[in-house]
All heavy atoms as atom14 arrays in JSON, in Angstrom:
{
  "sequence": "IFIVILKKNIKKKFNFKNKNIKFIEVKSLTSKSDFNYLF",
  "atom14_mask": [
    [1, 1, 1, 1, 1, 1, 1, 1, 0, 0, 0, 0, 0, 0],
    [1, 1, 1, 1, 1, 1, 1, 1, 1, 1, 1, 0, 0, 0],
    [1, 1, 1, 1, 1, 1, 1, 1, 0, 0, 0, 0, 0, 0],
    [1, 1, 1, 1, 1, 1, 1, 0, 0, 0, 0, 0, 0, 0],
    [1, 1, 1, 1, 1, 1, 1, 1, 0, 0, 0, 0, 0, 0],
    [1, 1, 1, 1, 1, 1, 1, 1, 0, 0, 0, 0, 0, 0],
    [1, 1, 1, 1, 1, 1, 1, 1, 1, 0, 0, 0, 0, 0],
    [1, 1, 1, 1, 1, 1, 1, 1, 1, 0, 0, 0, 0, 0],
    [1, 1, 1, 1, 1, 1, 1, 1, 0, 0, 0, 0, 0, 0],
    [1, 1, 1, 1, 1, 1, 1, 1, 0, 0, 0, 0, 0, 0],
    [1, 1, 1, 1, 1, 1, 1, 1, 1, 0, 0, 0, 0, 0],
    [1, 1, 1, 1, 1, 1, 1, 1, 1, 0, 0, 0, 0, 0],
    [1, 1, 1, 1, 1, 1, 1, 1, 1, 0, 0, 0, 0, 0],
    [1, 1, 1, 1, 1, 1, 1, 1, 1, 1, 1, 0, 0, 0],
    [1, 1, 1, 1, 1, 1, 1, 1, 0, 0, 0, 0, 0, 0],
    [1, 1, 1, 1, 1, 1, 1, 1, 1, 1, 1, 0, 0, 0],
    [1, 1, 1, 1, 1, 1, 1, 1, 1, 0, 0, 0, 0, 0],
    [1, 1, 1, 1, 1, 1, 1, 1, 0, 0, 0, 0, 0, 0],
    [1, 1, 1, 1, 1, 1, 1, 1, 1, 0, 0, 0, 0, 0],
    [1, 1, 1, 1, 1, 1, 1, 1, 0, 0, 0, 0, 0, 0],
    [1, 1, 1, 1, 1, 1, 1, 1, 0, 0, 0, 0, 0, 0],
    [1, 1, 1, 1, 1, 1, 1, 1, 1, 0, 0, 0, 0, 0],
    [1, 1, 1, 1, 1, 1, 1, 1, 1, 1, 1, 0, 0, 0],
    [1, 1, 1, 1, 1, 1, 1, 1, 0, 0, 0, 0, 0, 0],
    [1, 1, 1, 1, 1, 1, 1, 1, 1, 0, 0, 0, 0, 0],
    [1, 1, 1, 1, 1, 1, 1, 0, 0, 0, 0, 0, 0, 0],
    [1, 1, 1, 1, 1, 1, 1, 1, 1, 0, 0, 0, 0, 0],
    [1, 1, 1, 1, 1, 1, 0, 0, 0, 0, 0, 0, 0, 0],
    [1, 1, 1, 1, 1, 1, 1, 1, 0, 0, 0, 0, 0, 0],
    [1, 1, 1, 1, 1, 1, 1, 0, 0, 0, 0, 0, 0, 0],
    [1, 1, 1, 1, 1, 1, 0, 0, 0, 0, 0, 0, 0, 0],
    [1, 1, 1, 1, 1, 1, 1, 1, 1, 0, 0, 0, 0, 0],
    [1, 1, 1, 1, 1, 1, 0, 0, 0, 0, 0, 0, 0, 0],
    [1, 1, 1, 1, 1, 1, 1, 1, 0, 0, 0, 0, 0, 0],
    [1, 1, 1, 1, 1, 1, 1, 1, 1, 1, 1, 0, 0, 0],
    [1, 1, 1, 1, 1, 1, 1, 1, 0, 0, 0, 0, 0, 0],
    [1, 1, 1, 1, 1, 1, 1, 1, 1, 1, 1, 1, 0, 0],
    [1, 1, 1, 1, 1, 1, 1, 1, 0, 0, 0, 0, 0, 0],
    [1, 1, 1, 1, 1, 1, 1, 1, 1, 1, 1, 0, 0, 0]
  ],
  "atom14_positions": [
    [[115.31, 59.16, -13.54], [116.36, 58.21, -13.18], [115.77, 57.17, -12.22], [115.17, 57.52, -11.21], [117.57, 58.9, -12.53], [118.23, 59.87, -13.53], [118.59, 57.87, -12.06], [119.42, 60.62, -12.98], [0.0, 0.0, 0.0], [0.0, 0.0, 0.0], [0.0, 0.0, 0.0], [0.0, 0.0, 0.0], [0.0, 0.0, 0.0], [0.0, 0.0, 0.0]],
    [[115.93, 55.91, -12.59], [115.48, 54.8, -11.75], [116.71, 54.04, -11.26], [117.67, 53.84, -12.01], [114.6, 53.83, -12.54], [113.31, 54.42, -13.03], [113.26, 55.16, -14.21], [112.13, 54.23, -12.33], [112.07, 55.7, -14.68], [110.94, 54.77, -12.78], [110.91, 55.51, -13.96], [0.0, 0.0, 0.0], [0.0, 0.0, 0.0], [0.0, 0.0, 0.0]],
    [[116.69, 53.61, -10.02], [117.75, 52.77, -9.47], [117.14, 51.44, -9.07], [116.18, 51.38, -8.32], [118.43, 53.44, -8.26], [119.1, 54.76, -8.69], [119.48, 52.51, -7.66], [119.77, 55.52, -7.56], [0.0, 0.0, 0.0], [0.0, 0.0, 0.0], [0.0, 0.0, 0.0], [0.0, 0.0, 0.0], [0.0, 0.0, 0.0], [0.0, 0.0, 0.0]],
    [[117.71, 50.36, -9.63], [117.23, 49.01, -9.35], [118.02, 48.44, -8.17], [119.25, 48.29, -8.25], [117.4, 48.1, -10.58], [116.9, 46.68, -10.28], [116.64, 48.68, -11.78], [0.0, 0.0, 0.0], [0.0, 0.0, 0.0], [0.0, 0.0, 0.0], [0.0, 0.0, 0.0], [0.0, 0.0, 0.0], [0.0, 0.0, 0.0], [0.0, 0.0, 0.0]],
    [[117.33, 48.14, -7.07], [118.01, 47.63, -5.88], [117.31, 46.36, -5.39], [116.13, 46.13, -5.69], [118.05, 48.67, -4.73], [116.63, 49.08, -4.32], [118.86, 49.88, -5.12], [116.59, 49.97, -3.1], [0.0, 0.0, 0.0], [0.0, 0.0, 0.0], [0.0, 0.0, 0.0], [0.0, 0.0, 0.0], [0.0, 0.0, 0.0], [0.0, 0.0, 0.0]],
    [[118.04, 45.57, -4.62], [117.46, 44.38, -4.01], [116.57, 44.8, -2.84], [116.87, 45.75, -2.12], [118.55, 43.44, -3.51], [119.48, 42.84, -4.56], [120.49, 41.92, -3.89], [118.71, 42.08, -5.63], [0.0, 0.0, 0.0], [0.0, 0.0, 0.0], [0.0, 0.0, 0.0], [0.0, 0.0, 0.0], [0.0, 0.0, 0.0], [0.0, 0.0, 0.0]],
    [[115.49, 44.08, -2.64], [114.54, 44.42, -1.57], [115.2, 44.39, -0.19], [114.81, 45.15, 0.7], [113.35, 43.46, -1.61], [112.41, 43.74, -2.78], [111.16, 42.9, -2.7], [110.21, 43.28, -3.84], [108.96, 42.48, -3.82], [0.0, 0.0, 0.0], [0.0, 0.0, 0.0], [0.0, 0.0, 0.0], [0.0, 0.0, 0.0], [0.0, 0.0, 0.0]],
    [[116.2, 43.54, -0.02], [116.85, 43.46, 1.3], [117.67, 44.72, 1.61], [118.03, 44.96, 2.76], [117.74, 42.23, 1.37], [118.94, 42.24, 0.45], [119.76, 40.97, 0.62], [121.01, 40.98, -0.27], [121.81, 39.75, -0.08], [0.0, 0.0, 0.0], [0.0, 0.0, 0.0], [0.0, 0.0, 0.0], [0.0, 0.0, 0.0], [0.0, 0.0, 0.0]],
    [[117.96, 45.53, 0.58], [118.71, 46.77, 0.77], [117.82, 48.01, 0.73], [118.31, 49.13, 0.6], [119.8, 46.9, -0.3], [120.84, 45.81, -0.18], [121.28, 45.49, 0.92], [121.24, 45.24, -1.3], [0.0, 0.0, 0.0], [0.0, 0.0, 0.0], [0.0, 0.0, 0.0], [0.0, 0.0, 0.0], [0.0, 0.0, 0.0], [0.0, 0.0, 0.0]],
    [[116.52, 47.78, 0.84], [115.57, 48.87, 0.65], [115.75, 50.01, 1.64], [115.5, 51.18, 1.33], [114.12, 48.33, 0.69], [113.15, 49.36, 0.11], [113.72, 47.94, 2.09], [113.36, 49.61, -1.35], [0.0, 0.0, 0.0], [0.0, 0.0, 0.0], [0.0, 0.0, 0.0], [0.0, 0.0, 0.0], [0.0, 0.0, 0.0], [0.0, 0.0, 0.0]],
    [[116.22, 49.72, 2.85], [116.38, 50.77, 3.87], [117.44, 51.79, 3.46], [117.38, 52.94, 3.87], [116.74, 50.14, 5.21], [115.59, 49.36, 5.85], [116.0, 48.8, 7.2], [114.85, 48.03, 7.83], [115.24, 47.46, 9.14], [0.0, 0.0, 0.0], [0.0, 0.0, 0.0], [0.0, 0.0, 0.0], [0.0, 0.0, 0.0], [0.0, 0.0, 0.0]],
    [[118.39, 51.36, 2.65], [119.47, 52.26, 2.24], [118.97, 53.43, 1.4], [119.6, 54.49, 1.36], [120.53, 51.48, 1.45], [121.3, 50.47, 2.27], [122.38, 49.81, 1.41], [123.17, 48.79, 2.21], [124.22, 48.16, 1.38], [0.0, 0.0, 0.0], [0.0, 0.0, 0.0], [0.0, 0.0, 0.0], [0.0, 0.0, 0.0], [0.0, 0.0, 0.0]],
    [[117.85, 53.25, 0.72], [117.37, 54.3, -0.19], [116.96, 55.56, 0.58], [116.94, 56.65, 0.01], [116.21, 53.8, -1.04], [114.87, 53.72, -0.36], [113.79, 53.32, -1.36], [112.4, 53.4, -0.75], [111.35, 53.03, -1.71], [0.0, 0.0, 0.0], [0.0, 0.0, 0.0], [0.0, 0.0, 0.0], [0.0, 0.0, 0.0], [0.0, 0.0, 0.0]],
    [[116.66, 55.42, 1.86], [116.23, 56.58, 2.64], [117.39, 57.52, 2.94], [117.19, 58.64, 3.4], [115.55, 56.12, 3.92], [114.29, 55.34, 3.68], [114.25, 53.98, 3.92], [113.16, 55.96, 3.18], [113.1, 53.25, 3.69], [112.0, 55.25, 2.94], [111.97, 53.88, 3.19], [0.0, 0.0, 0.0], [0.0, 0.0, 0.0], [0.0, 0.0, 0.0]],
    [[118.61, 57.06, 2.68], [119.78, 57.93, 2.84], [120.02, 58.8, 1.6], [120.87, 59.67, 1.61], [121.04, 57.09, 3.1], [120.94, 56.32, 4.4], [120.37, 56.81, 5.36], [121.49, 55.12, 4.42], [0.0, 0.0, 0.0], [0.0, 0.0, 0.0], [0.0, 0.0, 0.0], [0.0, 0.0, 0.0], [0.0, 0.0, 0.0], [0.0, 0.0, 0.0]],
    [[119.21, 58.53, 0.58], [119.39, 59.26, -0.68], [118.42, 60.44, -0.69], [117.2, 60.25, -0.66], [119.11, 58.32, -1.86], [119.78, 58.74, -3.13], [121.13, 58.53, -3.32], [119.05, 59.35, -4.15], [121.75, 58.9, -4.49], [119.67, 59.73, -5.32], [121.02, 59.5, -5.49], [0.0, 0.0, 0.0], [0.0, 0.0, 0.0], [0.0, 0.0, 0.0]],
    [[118.93, 61.64, -0.76], [118.1, 62.84, -0.6], [117.51, 63.37, -1.9], [116.68, 64.26, -1.88], [118.93, 63.95, 0.06], [119.55, 63.55, 1.41], [118.5, 63.17, 2.42], [119.13, 62.81, 3.76], [118.12, 62.36, 4.74], [0.0, 0.0, 0.0], [0.0, 0.0, 0.0], [0.0, 0.0, 0.0], [0.0, 0.0, 0.0], [0.0, 0.0, 0.0]],
    [[117.96, 62.87, -3.06], [117.49, 63.37, -4.35], [116.05, 62.91, -4.59], [115.79, 61.73, -4.79], [118.42, 62.88, -5.47], [118.21, 63.66, -6.77], [117.07, 63.98, -7.12], [119.29, 63.94, -7.46], [0.0, 0.0, 0.0], [0.0, 0.0, 0.0], [0.0, 0.0, 0.0], [0.0, 0.0, 0.0], [0.0, 0.0, 0.0], [0.0, 0.0, 0.0]],
    [[115.13, 63.84, -4.59], [113.71, 63.51, -4.72], [113.32, 63.1, -6.14], [112.23, 62.56, -6.34], [112.86, 64.71, -4.27], [113.0, 65.05, -2.8], [112.12, 66.22, -2.43], [112.27, 66.56, -0.94], [111.44, 67.73, -0.56], [0.0, 0.0, 0.0], [0.0, 0.0, 0.0], [0.0, 0.0, 0.0], [0.0, 0.0, 0.0], [0.0, 0.0, 0.0]],
    [[114.16, 63.39, -7.13], [113.83, 63.06, -8.52], [114.14, 61.6, -8.86], [113.86, 61.15, -9.97], [114.6, 63.98, -9.48], [114.14, 65.42, -9.36], [112.96, 65.69, -9.18], [115.06, 66.36, -9.46], [0.0, 0.0, 0.0], [0.0, 0.0, 0.0], [0.0, 0.0, 0.0], [0.0, 0.0, 0.0], [0.0, 0.0, 0.0], [0.0, 0.0, 0.0]],
    [[114.72, 60.87, -7.93], [115.1, 59.49, -8.17], [113.97, 58.55, -7.75], [113.38, 58.7, -6.68], [116.38, 59.13, -7.4], [117.5, 60.13, -7.7], [116.83, 57.71, -7.74], [117.84, 60.26, -9.15], [0.0, 0.0, 0.0], [0.0, 0.0, 0.0], [0.0, 0.0, 0.0], [0.0, 0.0, 0.0], [0.0, 0.0, 0.0], [0.0, 0.0, 0.0]],
    [[113.67, 57.56, -8.61], [112.7, 56.53, -8.27], [113.42, 55.19, -8.15], [114.48, 54.99, -8.73], [111.61, 56.44, -9.34], [110.74, 57.69, -9.42], [109.61, 57.52, -10.41], [108.72, 58.76, -10.44], [107.59, 58.6, -11.39], [0.0, 0.0, 0.0], [0.0, 0.0, 0.0], [0.0, 0.0, 0.0], [0.0, 0.0, 0.0], [0.0, 0.0, 0.0]],
    [[112.83, 54.28, -7.38], [113.48, 53.0, -7.13], [112.63, 51.85, -7.66], [111.4, 51.87, -7.57], [113.73, 52.81, -5.63], [114.78, 53.73, -5.09], [114.46, 55.01, -4.64], [116.11, 53.32, -5.03], [115.43, 55.87, -4.16], [117.09, 54.17, -4.55], [116.75, 55.44, -4.11], [0.0, 0.0, 0.0], [0.0, 0.0, 0.0], [0.0, 0.0, 0.0]],
    [[113.32, 50.87, -8.23], [112.68, 49.62, -8.65], [113.25, 48.51, -7.78], [114.46, 48.31, -7.72], [112.97, 49.32, -10.14], [112.37, 50.42, -11.04], [112.41, 47.96, -10.53], [112.69, 50.27, -12.51], [0.0, 0.0, 0.0], [0.0, 0.0, 0.0], [0.0, 0.0, 0.0], [0.0, 0.0, 0.0], [0.0, 0.0, 0.0], [0.0, 0.0, 0.0]],
    [[112.37, 47.81, -7.09], [112.82, 46.78, -6.14], [112.66, 45.38, -6.73], [111.61, 45.05, -7.29], [112.0, 46.88, -4.85], [112.08, 48.24, -4.19], [111.03, 48.42, -3.1], [110.57, 47.39, -2.57], [110.66, 49.56, -2.81], [0.0, 0.0, 0.0], [0.0, 0.0, 0.0], [0.0, 0.0, 0.0], [0.0, 0.0, 0.0], [0.0, 0.0, 0.0]],
    [[113.72, 44.58, -6.62], [113.68, 43.19, -7.07], [114.22, 42.29, -5.96], [115.06, 42.7, -5.17], [114.5, 42.99, -8.36], [113.88, 43.73, -9.53], [115.95, 43.42, -8.17], [0.0, 0.0, 0.0], [0.0, 0.0, 0.0], [0.0, 0.0, 0.0], [0.0, 0.0, 0.0], [0.0, 0.0, 0.0], [0.0, 0.0, 0.0], [0.0, 0.0, 0.0]],
    [[113.73, 41.05, -5.9], [114.2, 40.11, -4.87], [115.6, 39.6, -5.19], [116.42, 39.4, -4.31], [113.24, 38.93, -4.78], [111.9, 39.27, -4.15], [111.05, 38.01, -4.02], [109.71, 38.34, -3.37], [108.86, 37.12, -3.26], [0.0, 0.0, 0.0], [0.0, 0.0, 0.0], [0.0, 0.0, 0.0], [0.0, 0.0, 0.0], [0.0, 0.0, 0.0]],
    [[115.86, 39.39, -6.5], [117.14, 38.86, -6.93], [117.38, 39.3, -8.37], [116.45, 39.73, -9.05], [117.15, 37.33, -6.82], [118.37, 36.81, -7.29], [0.0, 0.0, 0.0], [0.0, 0.0, 0.0], [0.0, 0.0, 0.0], [0.0, 0.0, 0.0], [0.0, 0.0, 0.0], [0.0, 0.0, 0.0], [0.0, 0.0, 0.0], [0.0, 0.0, 0.0]],
    [[118.63, 39.2, -8.81], [118.94, 39.54, -10.19], [120.11, 38.67, -10.66], [121.2, 39.15, -10.94], [119.28, 41.03, -10.32], [119.15, 41.65, -11.72], [117.75, 41.42, -12.29], [119.44, 43.13, -11.69], [0.0, 0.0, 0.0], [0.0, 0.0, 0.0], [0.0, 0.0, 0.0], [0.0, 0.0, 0.0], [0.0, 0.0, 0.0], [0.0, 0.0, 0.0]],
    [[119.85, 37.38, -10.75], [120.88, 36.44, -11.17], [120.41, 35.54, -12.31], [121.16, 35.28, -13.24], [121.33, 35.55, -9.99], [120.17, 34.94, -9.41], [122.04, 36.38, -8.93], [0.0, 0.0, 0.0], [0.0, 0.0, 0.0], [0.0, 0.0, 0.0], [0.0, 0.0, 0.0], [0.0, 0.0, 0.0], [0.0, 0.0, 0.0], [0.0, 0.0, 0.0]],
    [[119.17, 35.09, -12.25], [118.66, 34.14, -13.25], [117.94, 34.85, -14.39], [117.64, 36.04, -14.32], [117.7, 33.16, -12.59], [116.52, 33.84, -12.18], [0.0, 0.0, 0.0], [0.0, 0.0, 0.0], [0.0, 0.0, 0.0], [0.0, 0.0, 0.0], [0.0, 0.0, 0.0], [0.0, 0.0, 0.0], [0.0, 0.0, 0.0], [0.0, 0.0, 0.0]],
    [[117.65, 34.07, -15.42], [116.91, 34.61, -16.57], [115.53, 35.08, -16.16], [115.05, 36.12, -16.63], [116.81, 33.55, -17.67], [116.16, 34.07, -18.95], [116.23, 33.06, -20.07], [115.62, 33.65, -21.35], [115.73, 32.71, -22.49], [0.0, 0.0, 0.0], [0.0, 0.0, 0.0], [0.0, 0.0, 0.0], [0.0, 0.0, 0.0], [0.0, 0.0, 0.0]],
    [[114.88, 34.35, -15.28], [113.54, 34.74, -14.81], [113.59, 36.06, -14.04], [112.65, 36.86, -14.09], [112.93, 33.64, -13.95], [113.73, 33.38, -12.82], [0.0, 0.0, 0.0], [0.0, 0.0, 0.0], [0.0, 0.0, 0.0], [0.0, 0.0, 0.0], [0.0, 0.0, 0.0], [0.0, 0.0, 0.0], [0.0, 0.0, 0.0], [0.0, 0.0, 0.0]],
    [[114.71, 36.29, -13.32], [114.88, 37.57, -12.6], [114.91, 38.73, -13.58], [114.28, 39.77, -13.36], [116.18, 37.57, -11.79], [116.15, 36.6, -10.62], [115.03, 36.27, -10.15], [117.22, 36.18, -10.18], [0.0, 0.0, 0.0], [0.0, 0.0, 0.0], [0.0, 0.0, 0.0], [0.0, 0.0, 0.0], [0.0, 0.0, 0.0], [0.0, 0.0, 0.0]],
    [[115.65, 38.55, -14.67], [115.75, 39.61, -15.66], [114.43, 39.79, -16.41], [114.05, 40.91, -16.75], [116.89, 39.32, -16.65], [118.25, 39.63, -16.1], [119.06, 38.63, -15.61], [118.71, 40.94, -16.06], [120.31, 38.91, -15.09], [119.95, 41.24, -15.54], [120.77, 40.22, -15.06], [0.0, 0.0, 0.0], [0.0, 0.0, 0.0], [0.0, 0.0, 0.0]],
    [[113.73, 38.69, -16.66], [112.41, 38.8, -17.29], [111.49, 39.65, -16.43], [110.73, 40.49, -16.93], [111.8, 37.41, -17.48], [112.23, 36.76, -18.78], [112.4, 37.43, -19.79], [112.41, 35.46, -18.76], [0.0, 0.0, 0.0], [0.0, 0.0, 0.0], [0.0, 0.0, 0.0], [0.0, 0.0, 0.0], [0.0, 0.0, 0.0], [0.0, 0.0, 0.0]],
    [[111.55, 39.42, -15.12], [110.71, 40.19, -14.19], [111.11, 41.67, -14.21], [110.24, 42.55, -14.27], [110.85, 39.62, -12.79], [110.09, 40.41, -11.74], [108.7, 40.41, -11.71], [110.77, 41.17, -10.78], [108.0, 41.14, -10.75], [110.09, 41.89, -9.83], [108.71, 41.88, -9.81], [108.01, 42.6, -8.87], [0.0, 0.0, 0.0], [0.0, 0.0, 0.0]],
    [[112.42, 41.94, -14.17], [112.88, 43.33, -14.19], [112.44, 44.03, -15.46], [111.91, 45.15, -15.42], [114.41, 43.37, -14.09], [115.05, 44.76, -14.31], [114.57, 45.76, -13.27], [116.56, 44.65, -14.33], [0.0, 0.0, 0.0], [0.0, 0.0, 0.0], [0.0, 0.0, 0.0], [0.0, 0.0, 0.0], [0.0, 0.0, 0.0], [0.0, 0.0, 0.0]],
    [[112.63, 43.38, -16.61], [112.26, 44.01, -17.88], [110.76, 44.21, -18.0], [110.3, 45.16, -18.64], [112.79, 43.19, -19.05], [114.3, 43.24, -19.19], [115.0, 42.19, -19.76], [115.02, 44.33, -18.74], [116.39, 42.24, -19.89], [116.4, 44.4, -18.85], [117.08, 43.35, -19.43], [0.0, 0.0, 0.0], [0.0, 0.0, 0.0], [0.0, 0.0, 0.0]]
  ]
}
């Protein structure tokens, strides 16, 4: 399981105790180029 979060919210992930979860960090997710980067 991957969770896609904004880099500015990266500190919040440390409150998540499930070790099987991985995180994907993105700066933004609004434009087409943002989605291209995510994909």
